[in-house]
Amino acid sequence: MIYYIVGSMLVITTFTDILWRKIPNSIVWGYFILGIFTLHFGFAIRFLVALFLFSILYHLKFFGAGDVKLFSLLIGFLGTYEGMNMTFIAIVLASIGSLIYMLLSGQLFIRFNMLINYCMRVIATGKLERYYEYDRIDKCLIPMVPFFLAGFILWRCFC
């Protein structure tokens, strides 16, 4: 039953992420309440710990707020081990998709240069800072949730 809940969550959020580049909080709250009722206290603990840890990546602007909440919901529903495995598969798929997108749009060298500059700034200053200030319509942004849906399907088929 948990896999049906996670699958439906990913399908719904895939549409919202593609159409509006946003995962509405109403969807997050709905699935959070559903997780509390089905998996009780363990779900809440896993969700909150994952939310805290992944929020670091949000503050560095590596992921959006909706993606962080989705990561946390996945770990809450699937458990730490399975949730991290599925998240790893999804991030690998997103990396491949991003690489292909950057190659086709001619952004690969620009983005690679931005990464090198960021790493040099972090090393020079000795502190982490935001990677890049994005606009919501920035062409560098890709929706992350479709890769989570693909990762979930692959994970359920092969793992």
C-alpha atoms as a PDB file:
ATOM      1  CA  MET A   1       0.000   0.000   0.000  1.00  0.00           C
ATOM      2  CA  ILE A   2       2.870   2.378   0.786  1.00  0.00           C
ATOM      3  CA  TYR A   3       4.184   2.036  -2.768  1.00  0.00           C
ATOM      4  CA  TYR A   4       0.799   3.087  -4.164  1.00  0.00           C
ATOM      5  CA  ILE A   5       0.807   6.146  -1.913  1.00  0.00           C
ATOM      6  CA  VAL A   6       4.351   7.081  -2.983  1.00  0.00           C
ATOM      7  CA  GLY A   7       3.555   6.417  -6.656  1.00  0.00           C
ATOM      8  CA  SER A   8       0.453   8.609  -6.567  1.00  0.00           C
ATOM      9  CA  MET A   9       2.388  11.362  -4.772  1.00  0.00           C
ATOM     10  CA  LEU A  10       5.105  11.291  -7.432  1.00  0.00           C
ATOM     11  CA  VAL A  11       2.639  11.310 -10.339  1.00  0.00           C
ATOM     12  CA  ILE A  12       0.717  14.294  -8.926  1.00  0.00           C
ATOM     13  CA  THR A  13       3.850  16.263  -8.044  1.00  0.00           C
ATOM     14  CA  THR A  14       5.396  15.489 -11.442  1.00  0.00           C
ATOM     15  CA  PHE A  15       2.529  17.331 -13.124  1.00  0.00           C
ATOM     16  CA  THR A  16       2.759  20.315 -10.777  1.00  0.00           C
ATOM     17  CA  ASP A  17       6.550  20.475 -11.094  1.00  0.00           C
ATOM     18  CA  ILE A  18       6.435  20.417 -14.886  1.00  0.00           C
ATOM     19  CA  LEU A  19       3.509  22.841 -15.247  1.00  0.00           C
ATOM     20  CA  TRP A  20       4.283  25.361 -12.501  1.00  0.00           C
ATOM     21  CA  ARG A  21       7.836  24.440 -11.361  1.00  0.00           C
ATOM     22  CA  LYS A  22       6.398  24.153  -7.901  1.00  0.00           C
ATOM     23  CA  ILE A  23       5.203  21.491  -5.472  1.00  0.00           C
ATOM     24  CA  PRO A  24       2.248  23.007  -3.595  1.00  0.00           C
ATOM     25  CA  ASN A  25       2.341  22.828   0.187  1.00  0.00           C
ATOM     26  CA  SER A  26      -1.237  21.532   0.170  1.00  0.00           C
ATOM     27  CA  ILE A  27      -0.016  18.360  -1.535  1.00  0.00           C
ATOM     28  CA  VAL A  28       2.888  18.043   0.900  1.00  0.00           C
ATOM     29  CA  TRP A  29       0.592  18.519   3.897  1.00  0.00           C
ATOM     30  CA  GLY A  30      -1.922  16.032   2.509  1.00  0.00           C
ATOM     31  CA  TYR A  31       0.669  13.309   2.104  1.00  0.00           C
ATOM     32  CA  PHE A  32       2.276  14.207   5.442  1.00  0.00           C
ATOM     33  CA  ILE A  33      -1.063  13.667   7.219  1.00  0.00           C
ATOM     34  CA  LEU A  34      -1.609  10.452   5.257  1.00  0.00           C
ATOM     35  CA  GLY A  35       1.850   9.269   6.344  1.00  0.00           C
ATOM     36  CA  ILE A  36       1.117  10.046   9.993  1.00  0.00           C
ATOM     37  CA  PHE A  37      -2.120   8.026   9.842  1.00  0.00           C
ATOM     38  CA  THR A  38      -0.597   5.045   8.041  1.00  0.00           C
ATOM     39  CA  LEU A  39       2.925   4.825   9.517  1.00  0.00           C
ATOM     40  CA  HIS A  40       2.495   6.776  12.776  1.00  0.00           C
ATOM     41  CA  PHE A  41       5.425   8.048  14.826  1.00  0.00           C
ATOM     42  CA  GLY A  42       8.215   6.457  12.744  1.00  0.00           C
ATOM     43  CA  PHE A  43       7.101   8.363   9.662  1.00  0.00           C
ATOM     44  CA  ALA A  44       7.129  11.687  11.513  1.00  0.00           C
ATOM     45  CA  ILE A  45      10.618  11.131  12.924  1.00  0.00           C
ATOM     46  CA  ARG A  46      12.082  10.081   9.557  1.00  0.00           C
ATOM     47  CA  PHE A  47      10.373  13.003   7.806  1.00  0.00           C
ATOM     48  CA  LEU A  48      11.580  15.621  10.284  1.00  0.00           C
ATOM     49  CA  VAL A  49      15.176  14.356  10.394  1.00  0.00           C
ATOM     50  CA  ALA A  50      15.337  14.192   6.584  1.00  0.00           C
ATOM     51  CA  LEU A  51      13.755  17.641   6.310  1.00  0.00           C
ATOM     52  CA  PHE A  52      16.376  19.071   8.635  1.00  0.00           C
ATOM     53  CA  LEU A  53      19.296  17.428   6.800  1.00  0.00           C
ATOM     54  CA  PHE A  54      18.063  18.227   3.281  1.00  0.00           C
ATOM     55  CA  SER A  55      17.233  21.825   4.236  1.00  0.00           C
ATOM     56  CA  ILE A  56      20.980  22.465   4.217  1.00  0.00           C
ATOM     57  CA  LEU A  57      20.961  21.740   0.471  1.00  0.00           C
ATOM     58  CA  TYR A  58      18.014  24.110   0.063  1.00  0.00           C
ATOM     59  CA  HIS A  59      19.806  26.964   1.819  1.00  0.00           C
ATOM     60  CA  LEU A  60      22.772  26.453  -0.494  1.00  0.00           C
ATOM     61  CA  LYS A  61      20.309  26.589  -3.428  1.00  0.00           C
ATOM     62  CA  PHE A  62      21.228  23.123  -4.708  1.00  0.00           C
ATOM     63  CA  PHE A  63      17.559  22.058  -4.572  1.00  0.00           C
ATOM     64  CA  GLY A  64      14.241  23.841  -4.352  1.00  0.00           C
ATOM     65  CA  ALA A  65      12.073  23.848  -1.230  1.00  0.00           C
ATOM     66  CA  GLY A  66       9.515  21.526  -2.806  1.00  0.00           C
ATOM     67  CA  ASP A  67      12.205  19.034  -3.765  1.00  0.00           C
ATOM     68  CA  VAL A  68      13.504  18.981  -0.191  1.00  0.00           C
ATOM     69  CA  LYS A  69      10.002  18.367   1.167  1.00  0.00           C
ATOM     70  CA  LEU A  70       9.510  15.607  -1.401  1.00  0.00           C
ATOM     71  CA  PHE A  71      12.836  13.969  -0.430  1.00  0.00           C
ATOM     72  CA  SER A  72      11.679  14.034   3.166  1.00  0.00           C
ATOM     73  CA  LEU A  73       8.278  12.543   2.365  1.00  0.00           C
ATOM     74  CA  LEU A  74       9.927   9.748   0.385  1.00  0.00           C
ATOM     75  CA  ILE A  75      12.252   8.879   3.254  1.00  0.00           C
ATOM     76  CA  GLY A  76       9.337   9.108   5.664  1.00  0.00           C
ATOM     77  CA  PHE A  77       7.254   6.664   3.629  1.00  0.00           C
ATOM     78  CA  LEU A  78       9.943   4.280   2.391  1.00  0.00           C
ATOM     79  CA  GLY A  79      12.282   4.296   5.380  1.00  0.00           C
ATOM     80  CA  THR A  80      15.813   5.582   5.544  1.00  0.00           C
ATOM     81  CA  TYR A  81      17.561   2.831   3.570  1.00  0.00           C
ATOM     82  CA  GLU A  82      15.013   2.423   0.768  1.00  0.00           C
ATOM     83  CA  GLY A  83      14.323   6.163   0.626  1.00  0.00           C
ATOM     84  CA  MET A  84      18.010   6.990   0.222  1.00  0.00           C
ATOM     85  CA  ASN A  85      18.425   4.281  -2.442  1.00  0.00           C
ATOM     86  CA  MET A  86      15.516   5.685  -4.417  1.00  0.00           C
ATOM     87  CA  THR A  87      16.770   9.238  -3.931  1.00  0.00           C
ATOM     88  CA  PHE A  88      20.226   8.222  -5.176  1.00  0.00           C
ATOM     89  CA  ILE A  89      18.748   6.612  -8.304  1.00  0.00           C
ATOM     90  CA  ALA A  90      16.646   9.732  -8.957  1.00  0.00           C
ATOM     91  CA  ILE A  91      19.622  12.084  -8.521  1.00  0.00           C
ATOM     92  CA  VAL A  92      21.724   9.976 -10.917  1.00  0.00           C
ATOM     93  CA  LEU A  93      18.899  10.122 -13.480  1.00  0.00           C
ATOM     94  CA  ALA A  94      18.539  13.879 -12.949  1.00  0.00           C
ATOM     95  CA  SER A  95      22.299  14.299 -13.431  1.00  0.00           C
ATOM     96  CA  ILE A  96      22.177  12.422 -16.726  1.00  0.00           C
ATOM     97  CA  GLY A  97      19.131  14.428 -17.831  1.00  0.00           C
ATOM     98  CA  SER A  98      20.823  17.695 -16.849  1.00  0.00           C
ATOM     99  CA  LEU A  99      23.981  16.766 -18.707  1.00  0.00           C
ATOM    100  CA  ILE A 100      22.016  15.993 -21.863  1.00  0.00           C
ATOM    101  CA  TYR A 101      20.016  19.232 -21.486  1.00  0.00           C
ATOM    102  CA  MET A 102      23.168  21.310 -21.015  1.00  0.00           C
ATOM    103  CA  LEU A 103      24.853  19.678 -24.011  1.00  0.00           C
ATOM    104  CA  LEU A 104      21.858  20.306 -26.265  1.00  0.00           C
ATOM    105  CA  SER A 105      21.296  23.891 -25.077  1.00  0.00           C
ATOM    106  CA  GLY A 106      24.985  24.849 -25.198  1.00  0.00           C
ATOM    107  CA  GLN A 107      25.201  25.597 -21.464  1.00  0.00           C
ATOM    108  CA  LEU A 108      27.675  22.908 -20.441  1.00  0.00           C
ATOM    109  CA  PHE A 109      30.806  25.053 -20.435  1.00  0.00           C
ATOM    110  CA  ILE A 110      29.022  28.022 -18.842  1.00  0.00           C
ATOM    111  CA  ARG A 111      27.678  25.836 -16.030  1.00  0.00           C
ATOM    112  CA  PHE A 112      31.025  24.081 -15.584  1.00  0.00           C
ATOM    113  CA  ASN A 113      32.705  27.480 -15.293  1.00  0.00           C
ATOM    114  CA  MET A 114      30.111  28.529 -12.677  1.00  0.00           C
ATOM    115  CA  LEU A 115      30.852  25.353 -10.695  1.00  0.00           C
ATOM    116  CA  ILE A 116      34.601  25.985 -10.768  1.00  0.00           C
ATOM    117  CA  ASN A 117      34.093  29.602  -9.653  1.00  0.00           C
ATOM    118  CA  TYR A 118      31.832  28.453  -6.829  1.00  0.00           C
ATOM    119  CA  CYS A 119      34.346  25.874  -5.620  1.00  0.00           C
ATOM    120  CA  MET A 120      37.150  28.435  -5.725  1.00  0.00           C
ATOM    121  CA  ARG A 121      35.050  30.942  -3.722  1.00  0.00           C
ATOM    122  CA  VAL A 122      34.247  28.318  -1.097  1.00  0.00           C
ATOM    123  CA  ILE A 123      37.899  27.293  -0.804  1.00  0.00           C
ATOM    124  CA  ALA A 124      39.109  30.922  -0.684  1.00  0.00           C
ATOM    125  CA  THR A 125      36.599  32.079   1.924  1.00  0.00           C
ATOM    126  CA  GLY A 126      36.430  28.837   3.880  1.00  0.00           C
ATOM    127  CA  LYS A 127      32.639  28.950   4.185  1.00  0.00           C
ATOM    128  CA  LEU A 128      29.718  27.576   2.224  1.00  0.00           C
ATOM    129  CA  GLU A 129      27.559  30.040   0.352  1.00  0.00           C
ATOM    130  CA  ARG A 130      24.675  29.914  -2.084  1.00  0.00           C
ATOM    131  CA  TYR A 131      25.609  28.296  -5.336  1.00  0.00           C
ATOM    132  CA  TYR A 132      23.668  30.566  -7.685  1.00  0.00           C
ATOM    133  CA  GLU A 133      20.679  32.899  -7.462  1.00  0.00           C
ATOM    134  CA  TYR A 134      17.988  31.481  -9.705  1.00  0.00           C
ATOM    135  CA  ASP A 135      14.830  33.019 -11.047  1.00  0.00           C
ATOM    136  CA  ARG A 136      11.759  30.814 -11.258  1.00  0.00           C
ATOM    137  CA  ILE A 137      11.824  31.161 -15.073  1.00  0.00           C
ATOM    138  CA  ASP A 138      15.563  30.518 -15.310  1.00  0.00           C
ATOM    139  CA  LYS A 139      16.344  28.196 -18.212  1.00  0.00           C
ATOM    140  CA  CYS A 140      19.037  26.518 -16.095  1.00  0.00           C
ATOM    141  CA  LEU A 141      16.414  24.990 -13.803  1.00  0.00           C
ATOM    142  CA  ILE A 142      15.013  21.574 -14.562  1.00  0.00           C
ATOM    143  CA  PRO A 143      12.046  19.945 -12.825  1.00  0.00           C
ATOM    144  CA  MET A 144      13.400  17.327 -10.416  1.00  0.00           C
ATOM    145  CA  VAL A 145      10.235  15.343  -9.684  1.00  0.00           C
ATOM    146  CA  PRO A 146       9.958  13.588 -13.086  1.00  0.00           C
ATOM    147  CA  PHE A 147      13.353  12.066 -12.375  1.00  0.00           C
ATOM    148  CA  PHE A 148      12.069  10.925  -8.995  1.00  0.00           C
ATOM    149  CA  LEU A 149       9.119   9.267 -10.695  1.00  0.00           C
ATOM    150  CA  ALA A 150      11.452   7.537 -13.174  1.00  0.00           C
ATOM    151  CA  GLY A 151      13.767   6.553 -10.308  1.00  0.00           C
ATOM    152  CA  PHE A 152      10.839   5.153  -8.347  1.00  0.00           C
ATOM    153  CA  ILE A 153       9.683   3.084 -11.312  1.00  0.00           C
ATOM    154  CA  LEU A 154      13.199   1.760 -11.946  1.00  0.00           C
ATOM    155  CA  TRP A 155      13.731   1.096  -8.258  1.00  0.00           C
ATOM    156  CA  ARG A 156      10.464  -0.880  -7.985  1.00  0.00           C
ATOM    157  CA  CYS A 157      11.271  -2.862 -11.139  1.00  0.00           C
ATOM    158  CA  PHE A 158      14.896  -3.773 -10.412  1.00  0.00           C
ATOM    159  CA  CYS A 159      15.582  -3.484  -6.681  1.00  0.00           C
END
